[in-house]
Amino acid sequence: MLRFIIQVQPILSLEVVRGVARTMRSECPPTATRLLYLKRQQNSFCLMLIKKFATSRGSHQRETMINSSDSPYRPSNSQQDGWLPVEIVSQIVEIFFDQLSAGKVSCQDWVESIAYDLLLSSSSTAELLSLRLVCKTWDMAVTPICFRAVWFHDSKGVQSIIDLMTIPEPLDISSFVIKMINLIGRNVTELHLKVSDLIMITPALVEAVRNIKDLKTLSIQGRRHYEPHGGYDPQALSDLLAAPCNLECLIFQGYNLKHSKLAPTALSKLKHIRFIDCFDSTNIESIIDIIDRTKDSVISMEMLADETDHDSYEFPNNIEPVFNGILNTLEVISCGTIMSDLSERTVETEFPRLRVICNIYASSYHEDSFVALWDIFYNVRTIVQLSDDGQNFWRSSLNRISDDPWKPPKLRLLVFTSFHGEDEELDSELVDTLKSHGVYCCYIPRIRPDEMLVS
């Protein structure tokens, strides 16, 4: 079965809203200094933001945000008090999108990682599209958000799109994928490939990916301990990784990397890399080679191991060399559990630029563990954890406060997250207690590792 996911680049820019958030720093909660946080808040906060910037900002900001001469929908002077910029309308739609997508359709074939967004069901898509009828500005905001993700879950769906755009031709599934990339690749920023007997990395696929000029994220999924007929072609994978010239995020899940060597010019702009369920001893050499080639640009690494990895006597000591080349440049580490996914030597190493750690399952800590005592946390300002596990851990830490340090010295923000998109209430007593110690808390569902850097 074909699993082909394309993330289409949103047309609208939200830089204006980010600027608005920065100007409101003194008027908002300390952690609400970025769009991501504003977008996740309750509607009351969003409405306050909208009202404030629709009616009461200074004349200079109003000229910048509302009366831009570049906007085809610039209002007359008599309409300004009730006018909303398209960027603010887009923020409203983003919140509505999150509410619709919560708990509905997800990519079940992908590991439960906070790195992946939910997709809308067909009924919710129709509901969202109806907002286009409100006015031209709403139409501009809704359309790119609604159509930013397309999920092809079988070859029949792909064929239907091809039939609408070209003269139908009999094609195998690999050809479907290649032809779809060639048809709409100009607007694609994320490409997720599930490699199997039916979809292989071939020279034709490499050439199609090479033509996606704005590709930022490439995800390659295989099946653990399974090789398709004819085996994996290491050279084909190397060629694929060298094809996109602007790639910033690379994801491997359960894929066989053995014997793959990068070309000298490959992945020169890579910032974020994720390895999921692929820590076999045969893969480690290739992982180290990828990290070594990208050590000057990579600032974020996510590592999610499965039970097979944890049962191996070599893991996690066998991945210690992965960190050697990026010890002084890494800013984000994301993993399932610190104590299971990182070696003792790694945990006892200080990373001078590391400011964000995401350890999803905080309950795996030993009961007598204080993260303040681990060198890896020394420079960390933000810790991300699953909501329930994380709050339980910090309650326990606060109850065991003694003369020993109980929190990293530079910790300022705790982000509690979840795999779903629904809002959750944090323990107000815990939040107030941590705030009294200089640590702020917030809840952001499905936060991505690259988004943590904005904290």
Protein backbone atom coordinates (compact mmCIF):
# COMPACT_ATOMS: atom_id res chain seq x y z
CA MET A 1 0.00 0.00 0.00
CA LEU A 2 1.29 3.41 -0.98
CA ARG A 3 1.91 5.96 1.73
CA PHE A 4 2.79 9.25 0.11
CA ILE A 5 2.48 12.48 2.09
CA ILE A 6 3.10 15.92 0.62
CA GLN A 7 3.17 19.06 2.74
CA VAL A 8 2.36 22.06 0.52
CA GLN A 9 3.97 25.36 1.43
CA PRO A 10 1.53 27.90 2.94
CA ILE A 11 1.19 30.98 0.76
CA LEU A 12 0.68 33.49 3.56
CA SER A 13 3.51 34.92 5.64
CA LEU A 14 2.99 35.25 9.40
CA GLU A 15 6.04 37.42 10.03
CA VAL A 16 3.78 40.38 10.88
CA VAL A 17 2.12 38.43 13.71
CA ARG A 18 5.52 37.37 15.02
CA GLY A 19 6.49 41.04 15.13
CA VAL A 20 3.28 41.86 16.94
CA ALA A 21 4.00 39.20 19.53
CA ARG A 22 7.46 40.62 20.13
CA THR A 23 6.08 44.12 20.71
CA MET A 24 3.61 42.72 23.26
CA ARG A 25 6.29 41.05 25.35
CA SER A 26 5.69 43.33 28.32
CA GLU A 27 1.92 42.90 28.10
CA CYS A 28 1.71 39.12 27.69
CA PRO A 29 2.76 36.17 29.88
CA PRO A 30 6.55 35.78 29.73
CA THR A 31 6.29 32.60 27.70
CA ALA A 32 3.92 34.10 25.12
CA THR A 33 6.62 35.77 23.06
CA ARG A 34 6.17 33.84 19.85
CA LEU A 35 3.39 33.07 17.44
CA LEU A 36 3.43 29.36 18.21
CA TYR A 37 2.45 30.02 21.81
CA LEU A 38 -0.12 32.66 20.90
CA LYS A 39 -1.69 30.31 18.40
CA ARG A 40 -2.19 27.57 21.00
CA GLN A 41 -3.85 29.71 23.64
CA GLN A 42 -7.51 29.82 24.61
CA ASN A 43 -9.75 31.84 22.33
CA SER A 44 -10.14 34.59 24.93
CA PHE A 45 -6.44 35.47 24.64
CA CYS A 46 -6.62 35.35 20.84
CA LEU A 47 -9.67 37.63 20.79
CA MET A 48 -7.86 40.07 23.07
CA LEU A 49 -4.94 40.10 20.65
CA ILE A 50 -7.23 40.63 17.66
CA LYS A 51 -9.19 43.43 19.33
CA LYS A 52 -6.03 45.14 20.47
CA PHE A 53 -4.40 45.22 17.07
CA ALA A 54 -7.57 45.83 15.08
CA THR A 55 -8.56 48.96 16.99
CA SER A 56 -6.00 50.40 19.35
CA ARG A 57 -2.44 50.22 18.04
CA GLY A 58 -0.42 53.30 17.23
CA SER A 59 -0.67 55.01 13.88
CA HIS A 60 2.77 53.86 12.73
CA GLN A 61 2.01 50.18 13.41
CA ARG A 62 -1.43 50.52 11.83
CA GLU A 63 0.20 51.89 8.68
CA THR A 64 2.62 48.95 8.68
CA MET A 65 0.11 46.20 9.45
CA ILE A 66 -3.17 47.36 7.96
CA ASN A 67 -2.59 50.01 5.33
CA SER A 68 0.27 48.44 3.42
CA SER A 69 0.23 49.73 -0.14
CA ASP A 70 1.13 46.23 -1.31
CA SER A 71 -2.15 44.77 -0.04
CA PRO A 72 -4.94 44.41 -2.62
CA TYR A 73 -7.46 44.66 0.20
CA ARG A 74 -6.35 47.88 1.85
CA PRO A 75 -9.38 49.45 3.61
CA SER A 76 -10.46 53.05 3.35
CA ASN A 77 -9.95 55.37 6.31
CA SER A 78 -13.56 54.95 7.37
CA GLN A 79 -13.17 51.18 7.65
CA GLN A 80 -9.92 51.00 9.60
CA ASP A 81 -11.34 50.49 13.10
CA GLY A 82 -13.02 47.23 12.15
CA TRP A 83 -10.41 45.94 9.71
CA LEU A 84 -8.30 42.87 10.38
CA PRO A 85 -5.06 42.22 8.50
CA VAL A 86 -4.96 38.97 6.56
CA GLU A 87 -2.18 37.74 8.89
CA ILE A 88 -4.50 38.04 11.91
CA VAL A 89 -7.29 36.29 10.02
CA SER A 90 -4.81 33.52 9.23
CA GLN A 91 -4.09 33.15 12.94
CA ILE A 92 -7.82 32.74 13.67
CA VAL A 93 -8.05 30.06 10.99
CA GLU A 94 -4.98 28.32 12.39
CA ILE A 95 -6.72 28.03 15.78
CA PHE A 96 -9.86 26.75 14.12
CA PHE A 97 -7.75 24.27 12.15
CA ASP A 98 -6.22 22.95 15.39
CA GLN A 99 -9.67 22.50 16.93
CA LEU A 100 -10.93 20.59 13.91
CA SER A 101 -7.87 18.37 13.62
CA ALA A 102 -7.74 17.42 17.31
CA GLY A 103 -8.32 13.69 17.70
CA LYS A 104 -9.41 13.09 14.09
CA VAL A 105 -7.22 11.69 11.33
CA SER A 106 -3.56 10.92 11.91
CA CYS A 107 -0.86 9.11 9.99
CA GLN A 108 -1.11 5.80 11.81
CA ASP A 109 1.79 4.27 9.90
CA TRP A 110 4.18 6.78 11.44
CA VAL A 111 5.67 6.43 14.87
CA GLU A 112 3.98 8.37 17.67
CA SER A 113 6.38 11.28 17.56
CA ILE A 114 5.67 14.90 18.40
CA ALA A 115 7.26 15.66 15.04
CA TYR A 116 4.16 14.93 12.97
CA ASP A 117 1.01 16.98 12.46
CA LEU A 118 -2.53 15.62 12.30
CA LEU A 119 -4.49 15.77 9.05
CA LEU A 120 -8.10 16.87 8.64
CA SER A 121 -10.92 14.48 7.80
CA SER A 122 -12.90 15.17 4.64
CA SER A 123 -15.90 16.48 6.60
CA SER A 124 -13.73 18.96 8.51
CA THR A 125 -12.10 20.07 5.27
CA ALA A 126 -15.52 20.96 3.89
CA GLU A 127 -16.37 22.81 7.11
CA LEU A 128 -13.16 24.79 6.95
CA LEU A 129 -13.55 25.61 3.27
CA SER A 130 -16.98 27.12 3.92
CA LEU A 131 -15.18 30.01 5.63
CA ARG A 132 -14.01 31.20 2.22
CA LEU A 133 -17.48 32.63 1.67
CA VAL A 134 -17.10 35.18 4.47
CA CYS A 135 -15.07 37.66 2.42
CA LYS A 136 -12.01 37.91 0.16
CA THR A 137 -9.64 38.22 3.12
CA TRP A 138 -11.00 35.04 4.71
CA ASP A 139 -10.67 33.30 1.35
CA MET A 140 -7.00 34.32 1.19
CA ALA A 141 -6.42 32.93 4.70
CA VAL A 142 -8.42 29.71 4.57
CA THR A 143 -7.42 28.24 1.21
CA PRO A 144 -3.64 27.77 1.75
CA ILE A 145 -4.15 26.48 5.31
CA CYS A 146 -6.77 23.95 4.26
CA PHE A 147 -4.76 22.66 1.32
CA ARG A 148 -1.31 22.71 2.92
CA ALA A 149 -1.41 18.94 3.48
CA VAL A 150 -2.45 16.20 1.06
CA TRP A 151 -2.41 12.54 2.08
CA PHE A 152 -2.39 9.91 -0.67
CA HIS A 153 -3.05 6.59 1.02
CA ASP A 154 -3.47 4.42 -2.07
CA SER A 155 -2.57 4.43 -5.73
CA LYS A 156 -6.20 4.99 -6.75
CA GLY A 157 -6.23 8.42 -5.14
CA VAL A 158 -2.98 9.37 -6.82
CA GLN A 159 -4.29 8.17 -10.17
CA SER A 160 -7.41 10.30 -9.79
CA ILE A 161 -5.29 13.44 -9.37
CA ILE A 162 -3.12 12.50 -12.34
CA ASP A 163 -6.20 11.86 -14.51
CA LEU A 164 -7.47 15.35 -13.72
CA MET A 165 -4.19 17.00 -14.69
CA THR A 166 -2.87 14.87 -17.56
CA ILE A 167 -3.86 12.28 -20.10
CA PRO A 168 -4.16 8.98 -18.17
CA GLU A 169 -1.38 6.50 -18.73
CA PRO A 170 -0.87 3.02 -17.24
CA LEU A 171 1.78 3.43 -14.53
CA ASP A 172 3.17 1.37 -11.70
CA ILE A 173 3.13 2.80 -8.18
CA SER A 174 6.71 4.10 -8.27
CA SER A 175 5.84 5.95 -11.45
CA PHE A 176 2.78 7.42 -9.72
CA VAL A 177 5.02 8.93 -7.07
CA ILE A 178 7.54 10.30 -9.55
CA LYS A 179 4.88 11.77 -11.82
CA MET A 180 3.08 13.41 -8.87
CA ILE A 181 6.32 14.98 -7.69
CA ASN A 182 6.99 16.29 -11.17
CA LEU A 183 3.45 17.68 -11.45
CA ILE A 184 3.21 19.58 -8.16
CA GLY A 185 6.78 19.59 -6.87
CA ARG A 186 7.17 23.32 -7.48
CA ASN A 187 5.04 24.03 -4.39
CA VAL A 188 6.25 21.19 -2.16
CA THR A 189 8.31 21.93 0.93
CA GLU A 190 7.99 18.56 2.74
CA LEU A 191 8.26 15.12 1.17
CA HIS A 192 7.65 11.89 3.11
CA LEU A 193 8.52 8.60 1.39
CA LYS A 194 7.70 5.12 2.64
CA VAL A 195 10.11 2.78 0.89
CA SER A 196 8.91 -0.76 0.14
CA ASP A 197 8.83 -3.33 -2.66
CA LEU A 198 6.49 -0.98 -4.53
CA ILE A 199 8.30 2.29 -3.93
CA MET A 200 12.04 2.22 -4.38
CA ILE A 201 14.66 4.97 -4.48
CA THR A 202 15.58 5.02 -8.17
CA PRO A 203 17.49 7.45 -10.42
CA ALA A 204 14.13 8.72 -11.73
CA LEU A 205 12.94 9.46 -8.19
CA VAL A 206 16.23 11.19 -7.37
CA GLU A 207 15.88 13.39 -10.44
CA ALA A 208 12.27 14.27 -9.52
CA VAL A 209 13.35 15.29 -6.00
CA ARG A 210 16.22 17.32 -7.46
CA ASN A 211 13.64 19.45 -9.28
CA ILE A 212 11.86 20.43 -6.03
CA LYS A 213 13.64 23.71 -5.52
CA ASP A 214 12.05 24.66 -2.17
CA LEU A 215 12.18 21.27 -0.45
CA LYS A 216 12.95 21.85 3.24
CA THR A 217 12.03 18.50 4.86
CA LEU A 218 12.69 14.98 3.60
CA SER A 219 11.47 11.95 5.54
CA ILE A 220 12.36 8.39 4.55
CA GLN A 221 10.63 5.47 6.24
CA GLY A 222 11.53 1.81 5.88
CA ARG A 223 10.49 -1.30 7.76
CA ARG A 224 12.71 -2.50 10.58
CA HIS A 225 14.66 -5.69 9.73
CA TYR A 226 13.05 -5.93 6.30
CA GLU A 227 14.69 -5.47 2.93
CA PRO A 228 12.65 -5.11 -0.27
CA HIS A 229 13.32 -7.41 -3.20
CA GLY A 230 16.76 -6.60 -4.54
CA GLY A 231 17.76 -4.94 -1.24
CA TYR A 232 18.36 -1.28 -0.49
CA ASP A 233 20.67 0.58 -2.84
CA PRO A 234 23.14 2.60 -0.74
CA GLN A 235 24.27 4.66 -3.76
CA ALA A 236 20.66 5.56 -4.61
CA LEU A 237 20.13 6.83 -1.05
CA SER A 238 23.35 8.84 -1.21
CA ASP A 239 22.21 10.39 -4.49
CA LEU A 240 18.78 11.20 -3.01
CA LEU A 241 20.31 13.00 -0.01
CA ALA A 242 22.47 15.06 -2.35
CA ALA A 243 19.55 16.01 -4.63
CA PRO A 244 17.78 18.80 -2.66
CA CYS A 245 20.07 21.80 -2.30
CA ASN A 246 18.09 23.65 0.40
CA LEU A 247 17.15 20.77 2.71
CA GLU A 248 16.91 21.82 6.37
CA CYS A 249 15.30 18.79 8.05
CA LEU A 250 16.05 15.11 7.46
CA ILE A 251 14.14 12.22 9.06
CA PHE A 252 14.98 8.52 8.97
CA GLN A 253 12.53 6.00 10.41
CA GLY A 254 13.35 2.31 10.51
CA TYR A 255 15.47 2.63 7.39
CA ASN A 256 18.52 0.59 6.46
CA LEU A 257 21.42 3.04 6.22
CA LYS A 258 24.32 0.60 6.08
CA HIS A 259 27.12 1.38 3.65
CA SER A 260 25.57 4.74 2.68
CA LYS A 261 28.13 7.49 2.13
CA LEU A 262 27.28 11.14 1.59
CA ALA A 263 28.57 13.16 -1.33
CA PRO A 264 30.83 16.08 -0.27
CA THR A 265 28.17 18.68 -1.12
CA ALA A 266 25.16 16.86 0.37
CA LEU A 267 23.08 18.34 3.22
CA SER A 268 25.16 21.51 3.46
CA LYS A 269 22.23 23.50 4.91
CA LEU A 270 20.80 20.82 7.20
CA LYS A 271 19.69 22.13 10.61
CA HIS A 272 17.47 19.41 12.07
CA ILE A 273 17.93 15.65 11.90
CA ARG A 274 15.84 12.82 13.39
CA PHE A 275 16.65 9.14 13.71
CA ILE A 276 13.66 6.98 14.65
CA ASP A 277 13.88 3.21 15.22
CA CYS A 278 17.08 2.79 13.22
CA PHE A 279 19.86 2.22 15.75
CA ASP A 280 21.00 -1.19 14.56
CA SER A 281 24.72 -1.75 14.85
CA THR A 282 24.87 -1.86 11.03
CA ASN A 283 23.41 1.64 10.87
CA ILE A 284 25.61 3.37 13.43
CA GLU A 285 28.54 3.86 11.07
CA SER A 286 26.32 5.59 8.51
CA ILE A 287 24.66 7.73 11.19
CA ILE A 288 28.06 8.88 12.41
CA ASP A 289 29.10 9.66 8.83
CA ILE A 290 25.94 11.77 8.25
CA ILE A 291 26.47 13.70 11.49
CA ASP A 292 30.16 14.22 10.72
CA ARG A 293 29.34 15.66 7.28
CA THR A 294 26.68 18.01 8.68
CA LYS A 295 28.36 19.00 11.95
CA ASP A 296 28.82 22.63 10.90
CA SER A 297 25.12 23.24 10.30
CA VAL A 298 23.06 20.78 12.43
CA ILE A 299 21.72 22.35 15.62
CA SER A 300 18.85 19.98 16.49
CA MET A 301 18.80 16.19 16.85
CA GLU A 302 15.89 13.89 17.67
CA MET A 303 16.55 10.28 18.62
CA LEU A 304 13.67 7.89 19.29
CA ALA A 305 14.60 4.27 19.93
CA ASP A 306 12.25 1.29 20.14
CA GLU A 307 12.22 -1.81 22.37
CA THR A 308 14.57 -3.65 20.02
CA ASP A 309 17.21 -0.98 20.53
CA HIS A 310 16.73 -0.90 24.30
CA ASP A 311 17.09 -4.70 24.47
CA SER A 312 20.47 -4.53 22.74
CA TYR A 313 23.48 -4.69 25.06
CA GLU A 314 25.30 -2.20 22.80
CA PHE A 315 22.67 0.55 23.05
CA PRO A 316 22.98 3.40 23.94
CA ASN A 317 26.76 3.24 24.35
CA ASN A 318 27.17 2.54 20.65
CA ILE A 319 25.79 5.98 19.74
CA GLU A 320 28.23 7.97 21.90
CA PRO A 321 30.42 8.82 18.87
CA VAL A 322 27.41 10.48 17.21
CA PHE A 323 27.77 13.46 19.56
CA ASN A 324 31.51 13.94 19.20
CA GLY A 325 31.36 16.15 16.14
CA ILE A 326 28.43 18.31 17.32
CA LEU A 327 29.27 18.62 20.99
CA ASN A 328 29.99 22.35 20.69
CA THR A 329 27.23 23.28 18.23
CA LEU A 330 24.12 21.27 19.23
CA GLU A 331 21.28 23.40 20.61
CA VAL A 332 18.41 20.87 20.87
CA ILE A 333 18.33 17.22 21.89
CA SER A 334 15.03 15.35 21.70
CA CYS A 335 14.62 11.75 22.82
CA GLY A 336 12.18 9.38 24.45
CA THR A 337 14.00 9.10 27.75
CA ILE A 338 17.28 10.61 28.86
CA MET A 339 18.29 7.61 30.93
CA SER A 340 17.52 5.00 28.26
CA ASP A 341 18.36 6.73 24.99
CA LEU A 342 21.60 8.45 26.02
CA SER A 343 24.67 6.83 27.50
CA GLU A 344 25.90 7.68 30.97
CA ARG A 345 28.98 9.34 29.52
CA THR A 346 26.82 11.54 27.27
CA VAL A 347 24.59 12.59 30.19
CA GLU A 348 27.71 13.50 32.16
CA THR A 349 29.00 15.73 29.34
CA GLU A 350 28.38 19.48 29.22
CA PHE A 351 27.15 20.78 25.86
CA PRO A 352 28.10 24.49 25.81
CA ARG A 353 25.31 25.60 23.40
CA LEU A 354 22.59 23.12 24.37
CA ARG A 355 19.56 25.15 25.48
CA VAL A 356 16.60 22.84 24.84
CA ILE A 357 16.08 19.23 25.89
CA CYS A 358 12.94 17.30 25.02
CA ASN A 359 12.67 14.10 27.02
CA ILE A 360 9.17 12.83 26.32
CA TYR A 361 8.81 10.31 29.14
CA ALA A 362 9.97 12.01 32.33
CA SER A 363 8.53 9.23 34.52
CA SER A 364 11.44 7.01 33.49
CA TYR A 365 13.81 8.94 35.76
CA HIS A 366 15.00 7.21 38.90
CA GLU A 367 13.11 8.40 41.96
CA ASP A 368 16.24 9.87 43.49
CA SER A 369 17.32 11.67 40.30
CA PHE A 370 17.65 15.43 40.12
CA VAL A 371 18.25 16.70 36.60
CA ALA A 372 20.30 19.54 38.10
CA LEU A 373 23.03 17.03 38.90
CA TRP A 374 23.52 15.99 35.26
CA ASP A 375 26.08 17.96 33.27
CA ILE A 376 24.07 17.73 30.06
CA PHE A 377 21.42 20.02 31.62
CA TYR A 378 23.85 22.70 32.79
CA ASN A 379 23.16 25.25 30.00
CA VAL A 380 19.57 24.18 29.28
CA ARG A 381 16.92 26.93 29.44
CA THR A 382 13.90 24.95 28.20
CA ILE A 383 12.75 21.40 28.97
CA VAL A 384 9.91 19.78 27.00
CA GLN A 385 7.99 16.81 28.41
CA LEU A 386 4.68 15.03 28.01
CA SER A 387 2.10 16.83 30.11
CA ASP A 388 1.12 14.15 32.66
CA ASP A 389 4.57 12.60 33.07
CA GLY A 390 6.28 15.96 33.22
CA GLN A 391 3.98 17.46 35.84
CA ASN A 392 4.25 14.35 38.01
CA PHE A 393 8.03 14.49 37.82
CA TRP A 394 8.23 18.14 38.89
CA ARG A 395 5.73 17.60 41.73
CA SER A 396 7.99 14.84 42.98
CA SER A 397 11.08 17.03 42.61
CA LEU A 398 9.50 19.88 44.54
CA ASN A 399 8.43 17.53 47.33
CA ARG A 400 12.03 16.33 47.71
CA ILE A 401 13.70 19.74 47.76
CA SER A 402 16.63 19.78 50.16
CA ASP A 403 19.95 21.58 50.32
CA ASP A 404 20.93 19.89 47.06
CA PRO A 405 20.15 21.70 43.78
CA TRP A 406 16.91 20.43 42.27
CA LYS A 407 16.77 22.21 38.91
CA PRO A 408 19.30 23.16 36.21
CA PRO A 409 20.81 26.57 37.03
CA LYS A 410 19.67 28.24 33.77
CA LEU A 411 16.24 26.62 33.46
CA ARG A 412 13.56 29.22 32.69
CA LEU A 413 10.76 27.42 30.83
CA LEU A 414 8.94 24.09 31.03
CA VAL A 415 6.89 23.20 27.97
CA PHE A 416 4.35 20.42 28.52
CA THR A 417 3.14 18.77 25.33
CA SER A 418 1.01 15.89 24.03
CA PHE A 419 0.65 13.74 20.93
CA HIS A 420 -2.88 15.03 20.31
CA GLY A 421 -4.00 18.57 19.60
CA GLU A 422 -6.50 19.08 22.39
CA ASP A 423 -6.11 21.75 25.04
CA GLU A 424 -5.15 20.65 28.55
CA GLU A 425 -5.25 22.49 31.85
CA LEU A 426 -1.99 22.55 33.77
CA ASP A 427 -1.90 22.14 37.55
CA SER A 428 -2.23 25.77 38.66
CA GLU A 429 -0.61 25.10 42.04
CA LEU A 430 2.41 23.49 40.37
CA VAL A 431 2.64 26.33 37.84
CA ASP A 432 2.59 28.96 40.61
CA THR A 433 5.17 27.10 42.68
CA LEU A 434 7.57 26.73 39.77
CA LYS A 435 7.03 30.38 38.86
CA SER A 436 8.10 31.37 42.36
CA HIS A 437 11.39 29.59 41.62
CA GLY A 438 11.82 31.50 38.33
CA VAL A 439 10.54 28.72 36.05
CA TYR A 440 7.55 29.45 33.81
CA CYS A 441 5.26 26.77 32.38
CA CYS A 442 3.08 26.49 29.28
CA TYR A 443 1.25 23.80 27.33
CA ILE A 444 1.86 23.44 23.56
CA PRO A 445 0.46 20.29 21.90
CA ARG A 446 2.43 18.51 19.18
CA ILE A 447 5.38 20.89 19.37
CA ARG A 448 8.09 20.12 16.83
CA PRO A 449 11.76 19.91 17.84
CA ASP A 450 12.66 22.75 15.46
CA GLU A 451 9.91 24.92 17.03
CA MET A 452 11.48 24.50 20.45
CA LEU A 453 14.36 26.73 19.40
CA VAL A 454 12.00 29.71 19.30
CA SER A 455 11.35 29.37 23.05
